[in-house]
Amino acid sequence: MLNNIGLPGLLLIAVVVLVLFGRGKISSLMGEVGKGITAFKKGVNDSTKELEDQTVDAAKDVTPETEKDKA
């Protein structure tokens, strides 16, 4: 059903949405979407960094205690 929309159909939908909601509403909505995407990316980066830090901390010192005393 939706695979035959094409460019004219998309343009018609965009014009109808613009008429219904107005330029200001759409502009503010897109701003909020951008903020959401930015917050999502920041959260993903923070969690990735946290996981990497935990992995580094766990793998930092794997030598047994007896070999540490000899050095």
N, C-alpha and C. Protein backbone atom coordinates (compact mmCIF):
# COMPACT_ATOMS: atom_id res chain seq x y z
N MET A 1 0.82 -1.20 0.00
CA MET A 1 0.00 0.00 0.00
C MET A 1 0.86 1.27 0.00
N LEU A 2 1.84 1.33 0.91
CA LEU A 2 2.66 2.54 1.02
C LEU A 2 3.88 2.52 0.10
N ASN A 3 4.10 1.45 -0.62
CA ASN A 3 5.29 1.40 -1.46
C ASN A 3 5.12 2.14 -2.79
N ASN A 4 3.94 2.66 -3.10
CA ASN A 4 3.72 3.38 -4.35
C ASN A 4 3.40 4.86 -4.14
N ILE A 5 3.84 5.44 -3.04
CA ILE A 5 3.52 6.85 -2.77
C ILE A 5 4.24 7.76 -3.75
N GLY A 6 5.54 7.66 -3.86
CA GLY A 6 6.31 8.46 -4.79
C GLY A 6 6.51 9.89 -4.29
N LEU A 7 7.22 10.66 -5.07
CA LEU A 7 7.55 12.05 -4.71
C LEU A 7 6.32 12.95 -4.68
N PRO A 8 5.42 12.90 -5.66
CA PRO A 8 4.24 13.77 -5.58
C PRO A 8 3.37 13.50 -4.35
N GLY A 9 3.24 12.26 -3.96
CA GLY A 9 2.47 11.91 -2.77
C GLY A 9 3.12 12.44 -1.50
N LEU A 10 4.46 12.33 -1.42
CA LEU A 10 5.17 12.86 -0.26
C LEU A 10 5.05 14.38 -0.17
N LEU A 11 5.14 15.04 -1.31
CA LEU A 11 4.99 16.50 -1.32
C LEU A 11 3.58 16.91 -0.89
N LEU A 12 2.58 16.19 -1.33
CA LEU A 12 1.21 16.48 -0.94
C LEU A 12 1.02 16.29 0.57
N ILE A 13 1.58 15.22 1.11
CA ILE A 13 1.50 14.99 2.55
C ILE A 13 2.21 16.12 3.31
N ALA A 14 3.38 16.54 2.84
CA ALA A 14 4.12 17.61 3.50
C ALA A 14 3.33 18.91 3.49
N VAL A 15 2.68 19.24 2.38
CA VAL A 15 1.88 20.46 2.27
C VAL A 15 0.68 20.40 3.22
N VAL A 16 0.02 19.25 3.28
CA VAL A 16 -1.14 19.10 4.17
C VAL A 16 -0.72 19.26 5.63
N VAL A 17 0.40 18.64 6.02
CA VAL A 17 0.90 18.77 7.39
C VAL A 17 1.25 20.22 7.69
N LEU A 18 1.89 20.90 6.74
CA LEU A 18 2.25 22.30 6.93
C LEU A 18 1.01 23.17 7.10
N VAL A 19 -0.02 22.94 6.33
CA VAL A 19 -1.25 23.72 6.43
C VAL A 19 -1.95 23.44 7.76
N LEU A 20 -1.99 22.18 8.17
CA LEU A 20 -2.69 21.83 9.40
C LEU A 20 -2.00 22.36 10.65
N PHE A 21 -0.69 22.22 10.72
CA PHE A 21 0.01 22.55 11.95
C PHE A 21 0.71 23.91 11.92
N GLY A 22 1.02 24.42 10.79
CA GLY A 22 1.69 25.71 10.70
C GLY A 22 3.20 25.57 10.82
N ARG A 23 3.87 26.59 10.32
CA ARG A 23 5.34 26.56 10.29
C ARG A 23 5.94 26.58 11.69
N GLY A 24 5.37 27.35 12.60
CA GLY A 24 5.92 27.48 13.95
C GLY A 24 5.87 26.18 14.72
N LYS A 25 4.75 25.49 14.64
CA LYS A 25 4.60 24.22 15.36
C LYS A 25 5.58 23.18 14.83
N ILE A 26 5.69 23.09 13.52
CA ILE A 26 6.59 22.10 12.92
C ILE A 26 8.04 22.43 13.27
N SER A 27 8.38 23.71 13.27
CA SER A 27 9.73 24.13 13.61
C SER A 27 10.08 23.75 15.04
N SER A 28 9.17 24.02 15.97
CA SER A 28 9.44 23.68 17.37
C SER A 28 9.47 22.17 17.57
N LEU A 29 8.64 21.45 16.85
CA LEU A 29 8.64 19.99 16.95
C LEU A 29 9.96 19.41 16.46
N MET A 30 10.46 19.92 15.34
CA MET A 30 11.74 19.43 14.82
C MET A 30 12.89 19.78 15.77
N GLY A 31 12.79 20.94 16.43
CA GLY A 31 13.80 21.29 17.43
C GLY A 31 13.81 20.30 18.58
N GLU A 32 12.64 19.90 19.03
CA GLU A 32 12.55 18.92 20.11
C GLU A 32 13.06 17.56 19.66
N VAL A 33 12.78 17.19 18.43
CA VAL A 33 13.29 15.91 17.90
C VAL A 33 14.81 15.95 17.87
N GLY A 34 15.39 17.06 17.45
CA GLY A 34 16.84 17.21 17.42
C GLY A 34 17.45 17.10 18.82
N LYS A 35 16.81 17.72 19.80
CA LYS A 35 17.29 17.63 21.18
C LYS A 35 17.21 16.18 21.67
N GLY A 36 16.16 15.50 21.31
CA GLY A 36 16.02 14.10 21.71
C GLY A 36 17.09 13.21 21.11
N ILE A 37 17.38 13.43 19.84
CA ILE A 37 18.43 12.65 19.17
C ILE A 37 19.78 12.93 19.81
N THR A 38 20.05 14.20 20.12
CA THR A 38 21.31 14.56 20.76
C THR A 38 21.43 13.90 22.13
N ALA A 39 20.35 13.93 22.92
CA ALA A 39 20.37 13.30 24.24
C ALA A 39 20.56 11.79 24.13
N PHE A 40 19.94 11.17 23.13
CA PHE A 40 20.09 9.73 22.93
C PHE A 40 21.54 9.38 22.60
N LYS A 41 22.14 10.14 21.68
CA LYS A 41 23.53 9.88 21.31
C LYS A 41 24.46 10.06 22.50
N LYS A 42 24.21 11.10 23.32
CA LYS A 42 25.03 11.34 24.51
C LYS A 42 24.90 10.18 25.48
N GLY A 43 23.69 9.68 25.67
CA GLY A 43 23.48 8.54 26.55
C GLY A 43 24.18 7.29 26.07
N VAL A 44 24.13 7.05 24.77
CA VAL A 44 24.81 5.88 24.21
C VAL A 44 26.31 6.01 24.39
N ASN A 45 26.86 7.20 24.11
CA ASN A 45 28.30 7.41 24.27
C ASN A 45 28.73 7.26 25.72
N ASP A 46 27.93 7.80 26.65
CA ASP A 46 28.26 7.69 28.07
C ASP A 46 28.25 6.23 28.54
N SER A 47 27.25 5.49 28.12
CA SER A 47 27.18 4.09 28.55
C SER A 47 28.30 3.27 27.92
N THR A 48 28.65 3.57 26.67
CA THR A 48 29.76 2.87 26.03
C THR A 48 31.06 3.16 26.77
N LYS A 49 31.26 4.42 27.13
CA LYS A 49 32.47 4.80 27.86
C LYS A 49 32.51 4.12 29.22
N GLU A 50 31.37 4.06 29.90
CA GLU A 50 31.31 3.41 31.20
C GLU A 50 31.65 1.93 31.09
N LEU A 51 31.12 1.25 30.08
CA LEU A 51 31.43 -0.16 29.88
C LEU A 51 32.91 -0.37 29.57
N GLU A 52 33.49 0.52 28.76
CA GLU A 52 34.92 0.41 28.45
C GLU A 52 35.76 0.63 29.69
N ASP A 53 35.37 1.59 30.54
CA ASP A 53 36.10 1.85 31.77
C ASP A 53 36.04 0.64 32.70
N GLN A 54 34.87 0.01 32.79
CA GLN A 54 34.74 -1.17 33.63
C GLN A 54 35.61 -2.31 33.10
N THR A 55 35.67 -2.46 31.80
CA THR A 55 36.48 -3.51 31.19
C THR A 55 37.96 -3.25 31.46
N VAL A 56 38.39 -2.00 31.33
CA VAL A 56 39.79 -1.65 31.57
C VAL A 56 40.13 -1.88 33.04
N ASP A 57 39.25 -1.49 33.95
CA ASP A 57 39.50 -1.68 35.37
C ASP A 57 39.59 -3.16 35.73
N ALA A 58 38.76 -3.98 35.12
CA ALA A 58 38.76 -5.41 35.40
C ALA A 58 40.01 -6.08 34.84
N ALA A 59 40.51 -5.59 33.72
CA ALA A 59 41.66 -6.21 33.08
C ALA A 59 42.99 -5.55 33.45
N LYS A 60 42.96 -4.57 34.34
CA LYS A 60 44.18 -3.84 34.66
C LYS A 60 45.26 -4.73 35.26
N ASP A 61 44.93 -5.43 36.31
CA ASP A 61 45.93 -6.19 37.02
C ASP A 61 45.47 -7.64 37.15
N VAL A 62 46.07 -8.50 36.35
CA VAL A 62 45.68 -9.90 36.37
C VAL A 62 46.81 -10.79 36.89
N THR A 63 47.91 -10.20 37.37
CA THR A 63 49.01 -11.01 37.87
C THR A 63 48.66 -11.53 39.25
N PRO A 64 49.02 -12.75 39.56
CA PRO A 64 48.75 -13.30 40.89
C PRO A 64 49.56 -12.57 41.96
N GLU A 65 49.12 -12.64 43.19
CA GLU A 65 49.78 -11.95 44.30
C GLU A 65 51.20 -12.46 44.51
N THR A 66 51.45 -13.74 44.29
CA THR A 66 52.80 -14.28 44.56
C THR A 66 53.84 -13.72 43.60
N GLU A 67 53.46 -13.46 42.35
CA GLU A 67 54.40 -12.88 41.39
C GLU A 67 54.64 -11.41 41.67
N LYS A 68 53.69 -10.72 42.25
CA LYS A 68 53.89 -9.31 42.60
C LYS A 68 54.93 -9.18 43.69
N ASP A 69 54.92 -10.11 44.65
CA ASP A 69 55.85 -10.04 45.76
C ASP A 69 57.30 -10.28 45.32
N LYS A 70 57.52 -11.08 44.27
CA LYS A 70 58.87 -11.37 43.78
C LYS A 70 59.50 -10.17 43.11
N ALA A 71 58.71 -9.32 42.52
CA ALA A 71 59.24 -8.19 41.75
C ALA A 71 59.76 -7.09 42.60
